[in-house]
Structures are given as structure tokens and as C-alpha cells.
Amino acid sequence: MAKTLLPLGSLVYLKEGTVKLMIIGRGIELNEEAGNVYTDYAGVIYPEGFNPGNGYFFNDEDIDQVVFRGYEDEEESRFMEVYEEWEKTVTIPKKKSD
């Protein structure tokens, strides 16, 4: 089954979360002490938006509730095709949930 990530602009609650997060990035590579990893999403607190010290990195399995689904068009479909191929070849591990 093909993976489908939520589109940019989607609003979600994470498991045990108390604030809405807006998805602003997908397929994010991070440099952590243990080495490089990637996450499905980067998000910011809604409605505050971008704050350099307050970004969240999480995976699809960390989402508890989708409040709003962002805009989708044919470019979104193409992005998912490219993302699926990238995920098959990426050599760094996916970040584990905390």
C-alpha cells in the first residue's frame, strides 16, 4: 500500500498533545547527536506560526487527530510519488517517537 502523507497546511493534534500543529514541511532530515535521521513532518504551533525555537518534528504514527486537511492538487500527487521513491532509497533511519 502506498504511503500518503498529509498535505502542507494540515492541522493536527499529536498523541497526548494539547495544541494544534500546522504541517509546514515533509521528509525533513535532522542532524542529532546519535546521527542523522528523518521525520515525516515539521510543524509549528497554530495559530502562532513559525518561531525558530519552537518547531516540532514528528511522524505519521505520532498523529492522534487530523483537524483540517491542507490543499491538494496534481502537484501534491506528484510530490507523494517522488517522496515514496526517496523513502525507498534514503540511507538514514527514520526518527523514533520519543
N, C-alpha and C. Protein backbone atom coordinates (compact mmCIF):
# COMPACT_ATOMS: atom_id res chain seq x y z
N MET A 1 0.84 -1.19 0.00
CA MET A 1 0.00 0.00 0.00
C MET A 1 0.89 1.25 0.00
N ALA A 2 0.56 2.19 -0.84
CA ALA A 2 1.35 3.41 -0.96
C ALA A 2 1.14 4.30 0.27
N LYS A 3 2.21 4.94 0.67
CA LYS A 3 2.15 5.85 1.80
C LYS A 3 1.56 7.18 1.33
N THR A 4 0.72 7.76 2.15
CA THR A 4 0.17 9.07 1.85
C THR A 4 0.36 9.96 3.06
N LEU A 5 1.16 10.99 2.90
CA LEU A 5 1.35 11.96 3.96
C LEU A 5 0.29 13.04 3.85
N LEU A 6 0.04 13.70 4.95
CA LEU A 6 -0.89 14.83 4.93
C LEU A 6 -0.26 15.98 4.16
N PRO A 7 -1.06 16.76 3.46
CA PRO A 7 -0.52 17.90 2.71
C PRO A 7 -0.11 19.05 3.63
N LEU A 8 0.71 19.93 3.09
CA LEU A 8 1.10 21.14 3.81
C LEU A 8 -0.14 21.92 4.20
N GLY A 9 -0.08 22.56 5.35
CA GLY A 9 -1.22 23.35 5.82
C GLY A 9 -2.20 22.56 6.67
N SER A 10 -2.02 21.24 6.74
CA SER A 10 -2.91 20.43 7.57
C SER A 10 -2.69 20.76 9.04
N LEU A 11 -3.78 20.70 9.81
CA LEU A 11 -3.72 20.93 11.26
C LEU A 11 -3.97 19.62 11.97
N VAL A 12 -3.10 19.31 12.95
CA VAL A 12 -3.19 18.04 13.66
C VAL A 12 -2.97 18.23 15.15
N TYR A 13 -3.44 17.26 15.92
CA TYR A 13 -3.05 17.09 17.31
C TYR A 13 -2.18 15.85 17.35
N LEU A 14 -1.07 15.94 18.08
CA LEU A 14 -0.25 14.76 18.30
C LEU A 14 -0.82 13.97 19.46
N LYS A 15 -0.46 12.70 19.58
CA LYS A 15 -0.88 11.90 20.71
C LYS A 15 -0.46 12.61 21.99
N GLU A 16 -1.38 12.73 22.91
CA GLU A 16 -1.18 13.41 24.19
C GLU A 16 -0.85 14.90 24.01
N GLY A 17 -1.11 15.45 22.82
CA GLY A 17 -0.85 16.86 22.57
C GLY A 17 -2.01 17.74 23.01
N THR A 18 -1.70 18.99 23.30
CA THR A 18 -2.74 19.93 23.75
C THR A 18 -2.84 21.15 22.85
N VAL A 19 -1.98 21.24 21.84
CA VAL A 19 -2.04 22.37 20.90
C VAL A 19 -2.10 21.82 19.48
N LYS A 20 -2.73 22.60 18.60
CA LYS A 20 -2.78 22.23 17.19
C LYS A 20 -1.42 22.56 16.57
N LEU A 21 -0.97 21.69 15.68
CA LEU A 21 0.23 21.94 14.90
C LEU A 21 -0.15 22.03 13.44
N MET A 22 0.45 23.00 12.73
CA MET A 22 0.27 23.12 11.29
C MET A 22 1.49 22.52 10.61
N ILE A 23 1.26 21.63 9.67
CA ILE A 23 2.35 20.99 8.94
C ILE A 23 2.93 21.97 7.94
N ILE A 24 4.25 22.21 8.05
CA ILE A 24 4.92 23.15 7.14
C ILE A 24 6.03 22.49 6.34
N GLY A 25 6.32 21.22 6.58
CA GLY A 25 7.38 20.53 5.84
C GLY A 25 7.22 19.03 5.95
N ARG A 26 7.79 18.32 4.97
CA ARG A 26 7.71 16.85 4.96
C ARG A 26 9.05 16.29 4.49
N GLY A 27 9.41 15.12 5.03
CA GLY A 27 10.67 14.50 4.66
C GLY A 27 11.85 15.30 5.15
N ILE A 28 11.82 15.69 6.40
CA ILE A 28 12.83 16.57 6.99
C ILE A 28 14.01 15.75 7.50
N GLU A 29 15.22 16.11 7.09
CA GLU A 29 16.43 15.46 7.59
C GLU A 29 16.98 16.28 8.75
N LEU A 30 17.30 15.59 9.85
CA LEU A 30 17.79 16.23 11.06
C LEU A 30 19.15 15.66 11.44
N ASN A 31 19.99 16.50 11.98
CA ASN A 31 21.29 16.07 12.49
C ASN A 31 21.19 16.03 14.00
N GLU A 32 21.12 14.82 14.57
CA GLU A 32 21.02 14.67 16.01
C GLU A 32 22.32 14.10 16.56
N GLU A 33 22.47 14.13 17.88
CA GLU A 33 23.70 13.63 18.50
C GLU A 33 24.02 12.20 18.08
N ALA A 34 23.01 11.36 17.98
CA ALA A 34 23.21 9.96 17.62
C ALA A 34 23.43 9.76 16.12
N GLY A 35 23.28 10.83 15.33
CA GLY A 35 23.44 10.74 13.88
C GLY A 35 22.26 11.34 13.15
N ASN A 36 22.33 11.30 11.84
CA ASN A 36 21.26 11.86 11.02
C ASN A 36 20.04 10.95 11.01
N VAL A 37 18.88 11.57 11.02
CA VAL A 37 17.60 10.87 10.93
C VAL A 37 16.66 11.72 10.08
N TYR A 38 15.52 11.16 9.73
CA TYR A 38 14.50 11.96 9.04
C TYR A 38 13.16 11.76 9.72
N THR A 39 12.27 12.73 9.52
CA THR A 39 10.91 12.65 10.04
C THR A 39 9.93 12.90 8.89
N ASP A 40 8.72 12.42 9.08
CA ASP A 40 7.68 12.66 8.07
C ASP A 40 7.33 14.14 7.98
N TYR A 41 7.26 14.81 9.13
CA TYR A 41 6.73 16.17 9.16
C TYR A 41 7.55 17.13 10.00
N ALA A 42 7.43 18.41 9.65
CA ALA A 42 7.83 19.53 10.50
C ALA A 42 6.57 20.34 10.72
N GLY A 43 6.36 20.80 11.94
CA GLY A 43 5.16 21.56 12.23
C GLY A 43 5.43 22.72 13.15
N VAL A 44 4.49 23.65 13.17
CA VAL A 44 4.54 24.82 14.06
C VAL A 44 3.21 24.93 14.79
N ILE A 45 3.25 25.60 15.94
CA ILE A 45 2.03 25.79 16.72
C ILE A 45 1.08 26.70 15.95
N TYR A 46 -0.18 26.29 15.91
CA TYR A 46 -1.22 27.08 15.26
C TYR A 46 -1.99 27.82 16.34
N PRO A 47 -2.28 29.08 16.21
CA PRO A 47 -2.11 29.95 15.06
C PRO A 47 -0.83 30.78 15.10
N GLU A 48 0.05 30.50 16.05
CA GLU A 48 1.27 31.31 16.20
C GLU A 48 2.14 31.30 14.95
N GLY A 49 2.35 30.13 14.36
CA GLY A 49 3.17 30.04 13.16
C GLY A 49 4.64 29.85 13.49
N PHE A 50 5.49 30.22 12.55
CA PHE A 50 6.91 29.96 12.65
C PHE A 50 7.57 30.76 13.77
N ASN A 51 8.30 30.03 14.61
CA ASN A 51 9.11 30.61 15.68
C ASN A 51 10.37 29.73 15.71
N PRO A 52 11.55 30.26 15.41
CA PRO A 52 12.75 29.43 15.28
C PRO A 52 13.01 28.48 16.45
N GLY A 53 12.61 28.84 17.64
CA GLY A 53 12.87 27.97 18.78
C GLY A 53 11.73 27.04 19.12
N ASN A 54 10.70 27.00 18.29
CA ASN A 54 9.51 26.26 18.66
C ASN A 54 8.96 25.41 17.51
N GLY A 55 9.84 24.67 16.83
CA GLY A 55 9.40 23.78 15.77
C GLY A 55 9.25 22.36 16.29
N TYR A 56 8.41 21.59 15.65
CA TYR A 56 8.16 20.20 16.05
C TYR A 56 8.45 19.29 14.86
N PHE A 57 9.07 18.17 15.14
CA PHE A 57 9.37 17.17 14.13
C PHE A 57 8.71 15.87 14.57
N PHE A 58 7.89 15.30 13.69
CA PHE A 58 7.10 14.14 14.09
C PHE A 58 6.79 13.27 12.88
N ASN A 59 6.29 12.08 13.16
CA ASN A 59 5.96 11.12 12.12
C ASN A 59 4.46 10.88 12.05
N ASP A 60 4.05 10.25 10.98
CA ASP A 60 2.64 9.96 10.75
C ASP A 60 2.02 9.23 11.94
N GLU A 61 2.76 8.27 12.50
CA GLU A 61 2.23 7.48 13.61
C GLU A 61 2.08 8.27 14.91
N ASP A 62 2.65 9.47 14.99
CA ASP A 62 2.53 10.32 16.18
C ASP A 62 1.24 11.14 16.18
N ILE A 63 0.54 11.17 15.06
CA ILE A 63 -0.68 11.99 14.94
C ILE A 63 -1.86 11.28 15.57
N ASP A 64 -2.57 12.02 16.43
CA ASP A 64 -3.76 11.48 17.09
C ASP A 64 -5.02 11.88 16.32
N GLN A 65 -5.08 13.14 15.87
CA GLN A 65 -6.29 13.63 15.22
C GLN A 65 -5.94 14.64 14.14
N VAL A 66 -6.58 14.50 12.99
CA VAL A 66 -6.46 15.48 11.92
C VAL A 66 -7.64 16.43 12.05
N VAL A 67 -7.34 17.71 12.29
CA VAL A 67 -8.38 18.72 12.48
C VAL A 67 -8.78 19.32 11.13
N PHE A 68 -7.79 19.51 10.26
CA PHE A 68 -8.02 20.11 8.94
C PHE A 68 -7.00 19.54 7.97
N ARG A 69 -7.46 19.18 6.80
CA ARG A 69 -6.58 18.65 5.76
C ARG A 69 -6.23 19.79 4.80
N GLY A 70 -4.94 19.97 4.54
CA GLY A 70 -4.46 21.05 3.68
C GLY A 70 -4.82 20.85 2.21
N TYR A 71 -4.47 21.84 1.42
CA TYR A 71 -4.77 21.88 -0.01
C TYR A 71 -4.04 20.77 -0.76
N GLU A 72 -4.75 20.15 -1.71
CA GLU A 72 -4.17 19.09 -2.54
C GLU A 72 -4.53 19.33 -4.00
N ASP A 73 -3.57 19.08 -4.87
CA ASP A 73 -3.79 19.15 -6.31
C ASP A 73 -2.88 18.14 -6.99
N GLU A 74 -2.71 18.25 -8.31
CA GLU A 74 -1.88 17.27 -9.03
C GLU A 74 -0.41 17.35 -8.62
N GLU A 75 0.05 18.52 -8.20
CA GLU A 75 1.43 18.63 -7.73
C GLU A 75 1.63 17.87 -6.42
N GLU A 76 0.61 17.84 -5.60
CA GLU A 76 0.66 17.06 -4.35
C GLU A 76 0.80 15.58 -4.68
N SER A 77 0.04 15.10 -5.65
CA SER A 77 0.13 13.70 -6.07
C SER A 77 1.54 13.38 -6.57
N ARG A 78 2.10 14.27 -7.34
CA ARG A 78 3.46 14.07 -7.86
C ARG A 78 4.48 14.08 -6.72
N PHE A 79 4.30 14.98 -5.76
CA PHE A 79 5.20 15.02 -4.62
C PHE A 79 5.19 13.67 -3.90
N MET A 80 4.02 13.09 -3.71
CA MET A 80 3.94 11.81 -3.00
C MET A 80 4.65 10.71 -3.77
N GLU A 81 4.58 10.73 -5.10
CA GLU A 81 5.31 9.75 -5.90
C GLU A 81 6.81 9.88 -5.68
N VAL A 82 7.30 11.11 -5.71
CA VAL A 82 8.72 11.37 -5.50
C VAL A 82 9.12 11.01 -4.07
N TYR A 83 8.30 11.35 -3.10
CA TYR A 83 8.59 11.05 -1.70
C TYR A 83 8.70 9.54 -1.48
N GLU A 84 7.78 8.79 -2.04
CA GLU A 84 7.80 7.33 -1.89
C GLU A 84 9.09 6.75 -2.45
N GLU A 85 9.54 7.23 -3.58
CA GLU A 85 10.80 6.76 -4.17
C GLU A 85 11.98 7.18 -3.30
N TRP A 86 11.97 8.41 -2.79
CA TRP A 86 13.04 8.88 -1.91
C TRP A 86 13.12 8.01 -0.66
N GLU A 87 11.96 7.69 -0.09
CA GLU A 87 11.94 6.91 1.14
C GLU A 87 12.49 5.49 0.93
N LYS A 88 12.35 4.96 -0.27
CA LYS A 88 12.90 3.63 -0.58
C LYS A 88 14.42 3.65 -0.66
N THR A 89 15.00 4.80 -0.97
CA THR A 89 16.45 4.87 -1.19
C THR A 89 17.20 5.63 -0.10
N VAL A 90 16.50 6.29 0.80
CA VAL A 90 17.16 7.08 1.84
C VAL A 90 18.00 6.16 2.72
N THR A 91 19.19 6.61 3.05
CA THR A 91 20.12 5.76 3.80
C THR A 91 20.19 6.10 5.28
N ILE A 92 19.46 7.12 5.71
CA ILE A 92 19.44 7.45 7.13
C ILE A 92 18.14 6.91 7.74
N PRO A 93 18.16 6.57 9.03
CA PRO A 93 16.95 5.99 9.65
C PRO A 93 15.89 7.04 9.93
N LYS A 94 14.67 6.56 10.06
CA LYS A 94 13.56 7.42 10.44
C LYS A 94 13.64 7.64 11.95
N LYS A 95 13.41 8.88 12.39
CA LYS A 95 13.46 9.21 13.81
C LYS A 95 12.39 8.44 14.55
N LYS A 96 12.76 7.87 15.66
CA LYS A 96 11.80 7.15 16.51
C LYS A 96 11.04 8.14 17.37
N SER A 97 9.81 7.83 17.66
CA SER A 97 9.00 8.68 18.54
C SER A 97 9.59 8.68 19.92
N ASP A 98 9.52 9.84 20.57
CA ASP A 98 10.06 9.96 21.94
C ASP A 98 9.19 9.29 22.95
